[in-house]
Amino acid sequence: MGGARSRGVRTVAGVMLAGLLAAACADGDVRPQAAATGTPPRTGELTWGTCPEPSEAEAQVWGAAEHRPAYARHAARLRCGTLTVPADWTAPQGRRLELAVTLLPSTGDGPAEPLALNPGGPGVSGRLMPIGIASGGARALLDRYDLVGLDVRGTGRSGPATCPAAESLDAGPQPAAPTHRTARAYWNRLARAHTTCAEADPAQLASLTTTNAAHDLDALRRALRAPRLHYYGVSWGTSLGATYRTLFPTHSGRTLLESVVSPDPDLRGLLDGVTRAREQRFEHFTAWLAARSDRYGLGTTADEVRTRLLSLRERLTTRPLRTSDGTYGRVETDQYLDSEPADRAGAGAALSSLARGRAPAGGGDGKPRAAAPPLVAPFAGTALLCSQVTHAASFTEQWSAYGERRTAYPVLGATRPMFPGSGEVPGTSTCAGLPAPERPPVEPGPADGPLLLVAHRDEVITPLPWARAMRARTGGSLLVVGDGEHGGMAGGGCAGRVVEFFAGAEGAAVKGGACEP
């Protein structure tokens, strides 16, 4: 569930550009707040220092290739530091953590307030998110805000929590649908790996909760000597933002939550919601293909297209098309059927070719793409997510729910739901083997500062109904972006609405409605 980034920030940034940022940070406006001594930092202390060298993945995701001049200019002004916090906020005198913090100072003439940013994941490194935001369409935020980045506890450079046994676990080739036996075997292997890591450092695992991360945000606000903290969070970052607003309502400033996670923590309901959204997106795809029957030849009505596509999938499941370009069977067909709105033309052409017994030209838009270098800390992200969900620990329940989804959603119910809580094998969960959280997640509620919830109309990772459900709990306004993206508003055609919201003209209402990028 990650990422507020420009749509074009998907090309690989070279090592030279990563070095460019490192040099800029080292030579930039870094004003140490506390001299290095042999005395450990006190809880709540924020110490500025030299920016560490970023990874190639960080440089790629946060704009080195797409916005090189702006990226370098902002990197030269970036301040980097560490914030010392308790591992457990219910025991503040105990074990401590050091969190990696960055601040990109405002370029405006007046006084600036902090705007904290979180890209989601959970567990995506957010230290360089200020540079990514300032280099894109929402760059005007710098006119009045200091942009603040943070690697959430357990991720990035904030005491990364790892579980090599789980992270190296290979689910193996996936059939069209797993059997009870294969799913149970994978669940057991993942549960054993998680149990081993949990037993190695149970206190660290217990500390990886959204509630603790929200307390970290308020410690950051206090360290910055700010009366309130403004916030922009994406995907899982919306859970963090909603939790922060609920726990610290009088210190909550203007808050924008984009691609909103459901306020209902039941994992079964979350996976059902994602699958339902994918099924609805497929129905929209069939109507789109029917309206272009002269181009794709798959039918003149949505029902006719649907019947033909499901018949095609059945045929390729039992008799895959084998060509010099590769084999096309159930898995490949499902990828085309599950295409995003922006990929419909390519997926439609691929399905049209397969229906004629030919390999898609160039593989089609539905084929797997090269993944961007990961910024997610997998084990920490799993722990943070699983601290927020319920009904996740039982294989029997997850397998039963999977069977019901296959019946309720016959097109895509058998495939893996597009949500981090789903295991690599459908019918399992990434929470396998992790202990239940000691305290329940915070129920989202209202707070003082203005709130804007942003949903993308056709996206399926965090579907539009989730934003509506969150609004019913928290209040605020809802803005619907007319695309199928997950996050990315600050880098797209609706970036002006981000700037407009945070500009907060005195007496102006929080503006919801719709935006067509």
Protein backbone atom coordinates (compact mmCIF):
# COMPACT_ATOMS: atom_id res chain seq x y z
CA MET A 1 0.00 0.00 0.00
CA GLY A 2 2.57 2.50 -0.91
CA GLY A 3 3.37 5.46 -2.49
CA ALA A 4 2.87 9.14 -3.17
CA ARG A 5 5.12 9.58 -6.18
CA SER A 6 5.03 11.07 -9.64
CA ARG A 7 3.65 8.73 -12.26
CA GLY A 8 6.82 8.93 -14.28
CA VAL A 9 9.15 8.13 -11.41
CA ARG A 10 9.58 4.53 -12.48
CA THR A 11 12.81 4.65 -14.44
CA VAL A 12 16.00 3.47 -12.83
CA ALA A 13 18.19 6.22 -11.42
CA GLY A 14 21.91 5.58 -11.80
CA VAL A 15 24.40 5.25 -8.99
CA MET A 16 25.84 8.60 -10.06
CA LEU A 17 22.58 10.34 -9.15
CA ALA A 18 22.50 8.58 -5.79
CA GLY A 19 25.99 9.93 -5.21
CA LEU A 20 24.79 13.37 -6.28
CA LEU A 21 22.22 13.39 -3.49
CA ALA A 22 24.74 12.16 -0.97
CA ALA A 23 27.15 14.96 -1.85
CA ALA A 24 24.37 17.53 -1.77
CA CYS A 25 23.22 16.41 1.67
CA ALA A 26 26.74 16.46 3.02
CA ASP A 27 27.42 19.99 1.76
CA GLY A 28 23.98 21.45 2.35
CA ASP A 29 22.27 23.45 5.04
CA VAL A 30 22.88 21.04 7.90
CA ARG A 31 22.96 22.76 11.27
CA PRO A 32 23.73 20.31 14.07
CA GLN A 33 21.48 20.91 17.04
CA ALA A 34 23.50 18.94 19.53
CA ALA A 35 27.19 18.14 19.54
CA ALA A 36 28.20 14.48 19.54
CA THR A 37 29.12 13.37 23.05
CA GLY A 38 29.43 10.14 24.93
CA THR A 39 26.05 10.76 26.55
CA PRO A 40 23.15 8.89 24.96
CA PRO A 41 20.43 11.13 23.53
CA ARG A 42 17.45 11.78 25.77
CA THR A 43 13.99 10.58 24.84
CA GLY A 44 12.39 13.11 22.51
CA GLU A 45 15.71 14.66 21.50
CA LEU A 46 16.16 15.56 17.83
CA THR A 47 19.78 15.70 16.70
CA TRP A 48 20.76 17.03 13.27
CA GLY A 49 23.80 15.72 11.43
CA THR A 50 25.16 14.71 8.04
CA CYS A 51 22.81 13.09 5.54
CA PRO A 52 23.64 9.42 4.87
CA GLU A 53 24.18 8.24 1.31
CA PRO A 54 20.86 7.16 -0.22
CA SER A 55 20.35 3.88 -2.00
CA GLU A 56 19.77 3.65 -5.72
CA ALA A 57 16.15 2.69 -5.01
CA GLU A 58 15.59 5.83 -2.94
CA ALA A 59 17.05 8.00 -5.69
CA GLN A 60 14.86 6.31 -8.29
CA VAL A 61 11.57 6.49 -6.44
CA TRP A 62 11.89 10.05 -5.18
CA GLY A 63 12.71 11.72 -8.47
CA ALA A 64 16.42 11.66 -9.34
CA ALA A 65 15.79 10.57 -12.92
CA GLU A 66 12.56 12.43 -13.66
CA HIS A 67 13.29 15.73 -11.93
CA ARG A 68 17.07 15.77 -11.81
CA PRO A 69 17.74 19.53 -11.48
CA ALA A 70 14.99 20.04 -8.89
CA TYR A 71 16.03 16.85 -7.10
CA ALA A 72 19.62 18.05 -6.74
CA ARG A 73 18.54 21.56 -5.72
CA HIS A 74 16.30 20.31 -2.93
CA ALA A 75 18.81 17.68 -1.86
CA ALA A 76 21.35 20.44 -1.26
CA ARG A 77 19.02 21.99 1.32
CA LEU A 78 17.87 18.79 3.02
CA ARG A 79 18.54 18.42 6.75
CA CYS A 80 18.96 14.95 8.21
CA GLY A 81 18.79 13.88 11.82
CA THR A 82 17.66 11.33 14.37
CA LEU A 83 14.83 11.41 16.88
CA THR A 84 15.14 9.32 20.04
CA VAL A 85 11.91 7.68 21.18
CA PRO A 86 10.89 4.85 23.54
CA ALA A 87 10.48 1.44 21.96
CA ASP A 88 7.27 1.14 23.97
CA TRP A 89 5.39 4.35 24.70
CA THR A 90 3.65 2.70 27.66
CA ALA A 91 7.12 2.21 29.22
CA PRO A 92 8.96 5.43 28.23
CA GLN A 93 11.95 4.78 30.51
CA GLY A 94 12.81 1.49 28.84
CA ARG A 95 14.49 0.59 25.57
CA ARG A 96 15.01 3.40 23.06
CA LEU A 97 14.96 3.71 19.30
CA GLU A 98 16.54 6.25 16.98
CA LEU A 99 14.35 7.27 14.06
CA ALA A 100 15.74 8.78 10.85
CA VAL A 101 14.19 12.21 10.19
CA THR A 102 14.61 14.73 7.38
CA LEU A 103 13.43 18.30 6.96
CA LEU A 104 13.29 20.34 3.77
CA PRO A 105 13.01 23.98 4.90
CA SER A 106 10.33 26.22 3.45
CA THR A 107 11.39 28.68 0.76
CA GLY A 108 8.67 31.17 1.73
CA ASP A 109 9.24 34.51 3.41
CA GLY A 110 6.89 33.97 6.34
CA PRO A 111 7.00 31.59 9.30
CA ALA A 112 6.66 27.93 8.34
CA GLU A 113 4.95 25.03 10.06
CA PRO A 114 5.93 21.35 9.70
CA LEU A 115 4.08 19.15 7.21
CA ALA A 116 4.88 15.49 7.91
CA LEU A 117 4.77 13.05 4.98
CA ASN A 118 4.29 9.29 4.87
CA PRO A 119 4.27 7.17 1.66
CA GLY A 120 2.59 4.08 3.11
CA GLY A 121 3.60 0.47 2.61
CA PRO A 122 3.46 -0.12 5.45
CA GLY A 123 7.18 0.19 5.84
CA VAL A 124 8.19 2.27 2.81
CA SER A 125 11.16 4.51 3.53
CA GLY A 126 9.91 8.10 3.67
CA ARG A 127 13.11 10.01 4.40
CA LEU A 128 13.37 11.40 0.88
CA MET A 129 9.67 11.95 0.32
CA PRO A 130 10.07 15.71 0.93
CA ILE A 131 12.36 15.88 -2.10
CA GLY A 132 9.91 13.87 -4.20
CA ILE A 133 6.98 16.12 -3.26
CA ALA A 134 8.97 19.34 -3.72
CA SER A 135 10.22 18.21 -7.14
CA GLY A 136 6.76 17.45 -8.53
CA GLY A 137 3.40 19.08 -9.07
CA ALA A 138 2.88 20.01 -5.40
CA ARG A 139 6.14 21.96 -5.16
CA ALA A 140 4.26 25.08 -4.01
CA LEU A 141 3.82 23.44 -0.60
CA LEU A 142 7.33 24.72 0.14
CA ASP A 143 6.01 28.27 0.03
CA ARG A 144 4.55 27.88 3.51
CA TYR A 145 5.65 24.52 4.97
CA ASP A 146 8.77 22.74 6.14
CA LEU A 147 8.39 19.29 4.58
CA VAL A 148 9.27 16.55 7.06
CA GLY A 149 10.20 12.98 6.15
CA LEU A 150 10.52 10.01 8.49
CA ASP A 151 11.48 6.37 8.31
CA VAL A 152 8.83 4.80 10.54
CA ARG A 153 10.20 2.64 13.36
CA GLY A 154 11.58 -0.67 12.13
CA THR A 155 12.01 0.56 8.54
CA GLY A 156 14.69 2.22 6.43
CA ARG A 157 17.30 3.74 8.74
CA SER A 158 15.09 3.63 11.83
CA GLY A 159 16.31 0.40 13.42
CA PRO A 160 15.21 -1.87 10.57
CA ALA A 161 13.49 -5.05 11.73
CA THR A 162 14.21 -8.06 9.55
CA CYS A 163 13.20 -11.70 9.40
CA PRO A 164 15.45 -13.42 6.86
CA ALA A 165 13.67 -16.76 7.21
CA ALA A 166 10.36 -15.19 6.15
CA GLU A 167 11.77 -12.75 3.61
CA SER A 168 13.60 -15.52 1.74
CA LEU A 169 10.61 -17.89 1.76
CA ASP A 170 9.74 -18.91 -1.79
CA ALA A 171 6.11 -19.81 -2.44
CA GLY A 172 7.16 -21.54 -5.67
CA PRO A 173 5.24 -21.59 -8.96
CA GLN A 174 1.58 -20.81 -8.39
CA PRO A 175 -1.16 -22.91 -10.01
CA ALA A 176 -4.42 -21.37 -11.20
CA ALA A 177 -5.81 -21.98 -7.72
CA PRO A 178 -4.04 -23.53 -4.71
CA THR A 179 -5.27 -26.66 -2.96
CA HIS A 180 -5.95 -26.81 0.75
CA ARG A 181 -2.79 -28.88 1.11
CA THR A 182 -0.46 -26.47 -0.71
CA ALA A 183 -1.91 -23.44 1.06
CA ARG A 184 -1.63 -25.08 4.46
CA ALA A 185 1.97 -26.10 3.76
CA TYR A 186 2.90 -22.52 2.84
CA TRP A 187 1.08 -21.15 5.91
CA ASN A 188 2.98 -23.53 8.18
CA ARG A 189 6.36 -22.61 6.69
CA LEU A 190 5.64 -18.87 7.02
CA ALA A 191 4.31 -19.30 10.56
CA ARG A 192 7.46 -21.16 11.61
CA ALA A 193 9.66 -18.43 10.14
CA HIS A 194 7.69 -15.67 11.89
CA THR A 195 7.70 -17.54 15.19
CA THR A 196 11.47 -17.92 15.04
CA CYS A 197 11.95 -14.19 14.44
CA ALA A 198 9.38 -13.21 17.06
CA GLU A 199 11.13 -15.34 19.68
CA ALA A 200 14.50 -13.79 18.80
CA ASP A 201 13.36 -10.30 19.86
CA PRO A 202 9.78 -10.26 21.13
CA ALA A 203 10.10 -6.71 22.49
CA GLN A 204 11.04 -5.34 19.08
CA LEU A 205 8.14 -7.08 17.39
CA ALA A 206 5.72 -5.84 20.06
CA SER A 207 6.94 -2.29 19.49
CA LEU A 208 6.02 -2.29 15.79
CA THR A 209 2.50 -0.92 16.03
CA THR A 210 0.66 1.92 14.35
CA THR A 211 -0.16 3.33 17.78
CA ASN A 212 3.52 3.58 18.71
CA ALA A 213 4.26 5.14 15.31
CA ALA A 214 1.58 7.78 15.97
CA HIS A 215 3.21 8.60 19.32
CA ASP A 216 6.50 8.95 17.41
CA LEU A 217 4.86 11.57 15.20
CA ASP A 218 3.81 13.60 18.20
CA ALA A 219 7.30 13.32 19.69
CA LEU A 220 8.55 14.74 16.38
CA ARG A 221 6.06 17.60 16.62
CA ARG A 222 7.29 18.44 20.13
CA ALA A 223 10.92 18.20 19.08
CA LEU A 224 10.20 20.68 16.28
CA ARG A 225 8.52 22.95 18.87
CA ALA A 226 5.36 23.10 16.76
CA PRO A 227 1.92 23.59 18.34
CA ARG A 228 0.37 21.39 15.67
CA LEU A 229 1.48 18.92 13.03
CA HIS A 230 0.13 19.01 9.49
CA TYR A 231 0.15 15.67 7.72
CA TYR A 232 -0.08 14.09 4.26
CA GLY A 233 -0.25 10.29 4.23
CA VAL A 234 -0.85 7.76 1.48
CA SER A 235 -2.19 4.19 1.71
CA TRP A 236 -1.10 2.71 5.08
CA GLY A 237 -0.01 6.26 5.88
CA THR A 238 -3.73 7.04 6.10
CA SER A 239 -4.05 4.57 9.00
CA LEU A 240 -1.14 6.29 10.69
CA GLY A 241 -2.64 9.74 10.07
CA ALA A 242 -6.10 8.73 11.31
CA THR A 243 -4.55 7.19 14.43
CA TYR A 244 -2.50 10.33 15.08
CA ARG A 245 -5.55 12.60 14.73
CA THR A 246 -7.52 10.41 17.11
CA LEU A 247 -4.83 10.21 19.79
CA PHE A 248 -3.74 13.85 19.53
CA PRO A 249 -6.82 15.74 18.31
CA THR A 250 -5.77 19.17 19.61
CA HIS A 251 -2.34 18.97 17.98
CA SER A 252 -3.62 17.81 14.60
CA GLY A 253 -3.30 20.39 11.83
CA ARG A 254 -4.44 20.16 8.24
CA THR A 255 -4.52 16.48 7.24
CA LEU A 256 -4.79 14.96 3.77
CA LEU A 257 -5.25 11.18 3.60
CA GLU A 258 -4.99 9.71 0.09
CA SER A 259 -5.92 6.16 -0.99
CA VAL A 260 -7.59 5.56 2.33
CA VAL A 261 -7.40 2.24 4.17
CA SER A 262 -10.65 1.01 5.67
CA PRO A 263 -11.26 1.97 9.32
CA ASP A 264 -12.62 -1.55 9.92
CA PRO A 265 -9.64 -3.72 10.92
CA ASP A 266 -11.04 -7.16 10.04
CA LEU A 267 -8.62 -8.78 7.57
CA ARG A 268 -11.31 -10.92 6.05
CA GLY A 269 -13.39 -7.84 5.28
CA LEU A 270 -10.37 -6.04 3.84
CA LEU A 271 -9.57 -8.87 1.43
CA ASP A 272 -13.24 -9.18 0.48
CA GLY A 273 -13.38 -5.44 -0.27
CA VAL A 274 -10.33 -5.54 -2.52
CA THR A 275 -11.61 -8.58 -4.43
CA ARG A 276 -15.03 -6.97 -4.87
CA ALA A 277 -13.40 -3.85 -6.30
CA ARG A 278 -11.35 -5.91 -8.76
CA GLU A 279 -14.47 -7.78 -9.89
CA GLN A 280 -16.25 -4.48 -10.47
CA ARG A 281 -13.27 -3.15 -12.40
CA PHE A 282 -13.45 -6.20 -14.66
CA GLU A 283 -17.12 -5.52 -15.34
CA HIS A 284 -16.21 -1.96 -16.33
CA PHE A 285 -13.53 -3.41 -18.62
CA THR A 286 -16.05 -5.63 -20.41
CA ALA A 287 -18.30 -2.64 -21.03
CA TRP A 288 -15.31 -0.70 -22.35
CA LEU A 289 -14.40 -3.54 -24.73
CA ALA A 290 -18.00 -3.87 -25.91
CA ALA A 291 -18.07 -0.16 -26.77
CA ARG A 292 -15.02 -0.82 -28.99
CA SER A 293 -16.16 -4.07 -30.56
CA ASP A 294 -15.02 -2.94 -34.01
CA ARG A 295 -11.45 -2.72 -32.71
CA TYR A 296 -11.22 -5.78 -30.44
CA GLY A 297 -13.91 -8.12 -31.80
CA LEU A 298 -14.74 -9.60 -28.41
CA GLY A 299 -18.47 -8.85 -28.38
CA THR A 300 -20.95 -6.03 -28.73
CA THR A 301 -22.37 -6.16 -25.19
CA ALA A 302 -20.72 -6.41 -21.80
CA ASP A 303 -22.35 -9.80 -21.18
CA GLU A 304 -21.15 -11.12 -24.53
CA VAL A 305 -17.59 -9.93 -23.86
CA ARG A 306 -17.66 -11.43 -20.37
CA THR A 307 -18.80 -14.81 -21.63
CA ARG A 308 -16.19 -14.89 -24.35
CA LEU A 309 -13.34 -13.86 -22.03
CA LEU A 310 -14.21 -16.44 -19.39
CA SER A 311 -14.48 -19.10 -22.09
CA LEU A 312 -11.07 -18.03 -23.39
CA ARG A 313 -9.59 -18.31 -19.90
CA GLU A 314 -11.06 -21.78 -19.46
CA ARG A 315 -9.58 -22.90 -22.76
CA LEU A 316 -6.13 -21.50 -21.94
CA THR A 317 -6.29 -23.08 -18.50
CA THR A 318 -6.66 -26.57 -19.94
CA ARG A 319 -4.73 -25.97 -23.19
CA PRO A 320 -2.19 -23.12 -22.79
CA LEU A 321 -1.02 -21.40 -25.94
CA ARG A 322 2.66 -22.21 -26.39
CA THR A 323 4.60 -19.89 -28.70
CA SER A 324 8.18 -18.84 -29.32
CA ASP A 325 7.42 -15.74 -27.22
CA GLY A 326 6.25 -17.74 -24.22
CA THR A 327 3.35 -19.71 -22.82
CA TYR A 328 -0.06 -18.15 -22.22
CA GLY A 329 -2.28 -19.94 -19.71
CA ARG A 330 -4.52 -19.16 -16.75
CA VAL A 331 -2.06 -16.94 -14.88
CA GLU A 332 -1.31 -14.78 -17.91
CA THR A 333 -4.98 -14.49 -18.83
CA ASP A 334 -5.91 -13.38 -15.32
CA GLN A 335 -3.31 -10.63 -15.55
CA TYR A 336 -5.03 -9.25 -18.64
CA LEU A 337 -8.50 -9.57 -17.12
CA ASP A 338 -7.30 -7.68 -14.04
CA SER A 339 -5.82 -4.78 -15.99
CA GLU A 340 -5.87 -1.22 -14.68
CA PRO A 341 -7.92 1.39 -16.57
CA ALA A 342 -4.76 2.99 -17.94
CA ASP A 343 -3.73 -0.40 -19.44
CA ARG A 344 -7.03 -1.34 -21.06
CA ALA A 345 -5.95 -0.72 -24.65
CA GLY A 346 -2.95 -3.03 -24.37
CA ALA A 347 -4.83 -5.68 -22.41
CA GLY A 348 -7.72 -5.57 -24.87
CA ALA A 349 -5.34 -6.06 -27.80
CA ALA A 350 -3.66 -8.97 -26.01
CA LEU A 351 -6.96 -10.70 -25.25
CA SER A 352 -8.11 -10.15 -28.82
CA SER A 353 -4.95 -11.86 -30.09
CA LEU A 354 -5.32 -14.77 -27.67
CA ALA A 355 -8.94 -15.23 -28.74
CA ARG A 356 -7.61 -15.74 -32.32
CA GLY A 357 -4.99 -18.19 -31.12
CA ARG A 358 -2.09 -15.77 -31.48
CA ALA A 359 0.49 -14.50 -29.04
CA PRO A 360 0.00 -10.86 -28.01
CA ALA A 361 2.26 -8.44 -29.86
CA GLY A 362 4.98 -7.32 -27.47
CA GLY A 363 3.44 -9.26 -24.60
CA GLY A 364 0.64 -6.75 -23.99
CA ASP A 365 0.11 -4.41 -21.07
CA GLY A 366 -1.18 -7.19 -18.86
CA LYS A 367 2.15 -9.02 -18.74
CA PRO A 368 4.26 -8.71 -15.59
CA ARG A 369 6.52 -5.68 -15.55
CA ALA A 370 9.95 -5.26 -14.07
CA ALA A 371 9.50 -4.23 -10.46
CA ALA A 372 11.06 -1.06 -9.14
CA PRO A 373 13.77 -1.58 -6.51
CA PRO A 374 11.97 -2.14 -3.22
CA LEU A 375 11.89 0.50 -0.50
CA VAL A 376 9.75 -1.60 1.82
CA ALA A 377 11.09 -3.28 4.95
CA PRO A 378 9.05 -6.51 4.58
CA PHE A 379 9.04 -7.81 8.16
CA ALA A 380 8.49 -4.40 9.73
CA GLY A 381 5.74 -3.68 7.23
CA THR A 382 4.08 -6.99 8.02
CA ALA A 383 4.28 -6.36 11.76
CA LEU A 384 2.87 -2.83 11.43
CA LEU A 385 0.00 -4.04 9.26
CA CYS A 386 -0.78 -7.04 11.45
CA SER A 387 -0.90 -4.78 14.52
CA GLN A 388 -3.86 -3.08 12.80
CA VAL A 389 -5.94 -6.09 11.72
CA THR A 390 -7.99 -8.73 13.49
CA HIS A 391 -8.99 -12.30 12.59
CA ALA A 392 -5.65 -12.88 10.88
CA ALA A 393 -4.07 -15.73 12.86
CA SER A 394 -6.20 -18.72 11.83
CA PHE A 395 -5.49 -20.65 8.65
CA THR A 396 -8.91 -22.27 8.86
CA GLU A 397 -10.63 -18.89 8.81
CA GLN A 398 -8.50 -17.48 5.99
CA TRP A 399 -9.00 -20.59 3.85
CA SER A 400 -12.73 -20.56 4.46
CA ALA A 401 -12.95 -16.87 3.51
CA TYR A 402 -10.97 -17.60 0.34
CA GLY A 403 -13.46 -20.29 -0.66
CA GLU A 404 -16.32 -17.85 -0.18
CA ARG A 405 -14.56 -15.22 -2.29
CA ARG A 406 -14.08 -17.71 -5.12
CA THR A 407 -17.82 -18.33 -5.14
CA ALA A 408 -18.90 -14.71 -4.73
CA TYR A 409 -16.41 -13.32 -7.28
CA PRO A 410 -16.00 -15.97 -10.00
CA VAL A 411 -13.77 -13.90 -12.28
CA LEU A 412 -10.94 -12.92 -9.92
CA GLY A 413 -11.90 -14.41 -6.55
CA ALA A 414 -9.40 -17.26 -6.96
CA THR A 415 -6.42 -14.94 -7.44
CA ARG A 416 -4.40 -13.29 -4.73
CA PRO A 417 -6.10 -10.13 -3.37
CA MET A 418 -4.13 -6.94 -3.96
CA PHE A 419 -3.60 -6.12 -0.30
CA PRO A 420 -0.49 -6.58 1.87
CA GLY A 421 -2.30 -8.79 4.38
CA SER A 422 -2.77 -11.51 1.76
CA GLY A 423 -0.10 -14.20 1.69
CA GLU A 424 1.84 -15.12 -1.45
CA VAL A 425 -0.48 -18.12 -1.77
CA PRO A 426 -4.20 -17.21 -1.98
CA GLY A 427 -6.07 -18.38 1.10
CA THR A 428 -3.20 -17.50 3.44
CA SER A 429 -2.14 -14.38 5.31
CA THR A 430 1.14 -12.56 5.81
CA CYS A 431 0.26 -12.49 9.53
CA ALA A 432 0.74 -16.27 9.89
CA GLY A 433 2.60 -17.10 13.10
CA LEU A 434 2.69 -13.57 14.48
CA PRO A 435 1.27 -13.11 17.98
CA ALA A 436 -1.94 -11.14 18.33
CA PRO A 437 -1.30 -7.50 19.28
CA GLU A 438 -1.31 -6.79 23.01
CA ARG A 439 -3.68 -3.84 22.54
CA PRO A 440 -6.42 -3.34 19.96
CA PRO A 441 -5.92 -0.77 17.19
CA VAL A 442 -7.17 2.76 17.79
CA GLU A 443 -10.71 3.37 16.55
CA PRO A 444 -10.51 6.40 14.19
CA GLY A 445 -12.40 9.45 15.35
CA PRO A 446 -12.73 13.20 14.70
CA ALA A 447 -10.10 15.82 15.52
CA ASP A 448 -9.68 19.59 15.40
CA GLY A 449 -7.76 20.20 12.18
CA PRO A 450 -9.32 20.24 8.67
CA LEU A 451 -9.39 16.83 7.00
CA LEU A 452 -9.50 15.93 3.31
CA LEU A 453 -9.88 12.28 2.28
CA VAL A 454 -8.84 11.45 -1.28
CA ALA A 455 -9.92 8.34 -3.18
CA HIS A 456 -9.14 7.25 -6.72
CA ARG A 457 -12.37 6.24 -8.41
CA ASP A 458 -11.25 2.99 -10.06
CA GLU A 459 -8.39 1.82 -7.86
CA VAL A 460 -8.53 -1.58 -6.17
CA ILE A 461 -5.79 -1.60 -3.53
CA THR A 462 -7.70 0.83 -1.32
CA PRO A 463 -11.18 1.00 -2.89
CA LEU A 464 -13.36 4.10 -2.85
CA PRO A 465 -15.87 2.66 -0.31
CA TRP A 466 -13.09 2.58 2.28
CA ALA A 467 -12.67 6.35 2.06
CA ARG A 468 -16.41 6.78 2.52
CA ALA A 469 -16.32 4.50 5.57
CA MET A 470 -13.42 6.48 7.05
CA ARG A 471 -15.25 9.74 6.46
CA ALA A 472 -18.24 8.40 8.41
CA ARG A 473 -15.91 7.90 11.42
CA THR A 474 -13.70 10.97 11.15
CA GLY A 475 -15.68 13.63 9.34
CA GLY A 476 -13.92 15.82 6.80
CA SER A 477 -14.48 16.09 3.06
CA LEU A 478 -14.04 13.55 0.29
CA LEU A 479 -12.31 14.25 -3.04
CA VAL A 480 -12.58 11.60 -5.76
CA VAL A 481 -9.84 11.57 -8.41
CA GLY A 482 -11.07 10.20 -11.73
CA ASP A 483 -8.44 7.53 -12.37
CA GLY A 484 -7.35 4.12 -11.13
CA GLU A 485 -4.06 5.09 -9.51
CA HIS A 486 -3.01 4.11 -6.00
CA GLY A 487 -1.62 7.33 -4.54
CA GLY A 488 0.29 9.67 -6.81
CA MET A 489 -2.05 12.68 -6.62
CA ALA A 490 0.78 15.03 -5.65
CA GLY A 491 2.61 14.18 -8.87
CA GLY A 492 -0.34 14.12 -11.26
CA GLY A 493 -2.88 16.42 -12.78
CA CYS A 494 -4.70 16.99 -9.49
CA ALA A 495 -1.61 18.15 -7.60
CA GLY A 496 -3.08 21.66 -7.45
CA ARG A 497 -5.80 20.37 -5.17
CA VAL A 498 -3.14 19.20 -2.70
CA VAL A 499 -1.59 22.67 -2.68
CA GLU A 500 -5.00 24.32 -2.44
CA PHE A 501 -5.96 22.25 0.59
CA PHE A 502 -2.78 22.95 2.50
CA ALA A 503 -2.88 26.64 1.55
CA GLY A 504 -5.94 26.80 3.81
CA ALA A 505 -7.24 30.27 2.99
CA GLU A 506 -8.82 31.73 6.11
CA GLY A 507 -12.53 30.98 6.23
CA ALA A 508 -12.45 28.76 3.15
CA ALA A 509 -14.29 25.45 3.38
CA VAL A 510 -12.43 22.18 2.91
CA LYS A 511 -13.17 21.41 -0.71
CA GLY A 512 -14.11 17.89 -1.73
CA GLY A 513 -15.96 16.88 -4.88
CA ALA A 514 -14.11 15.44 -7.85
CA CYS A 515 -10.96 16.02 -9.90
CA GLU A 516 -10.23 14.70 -13.39
CA PRO A 517 -6.44 14.50 -13.84
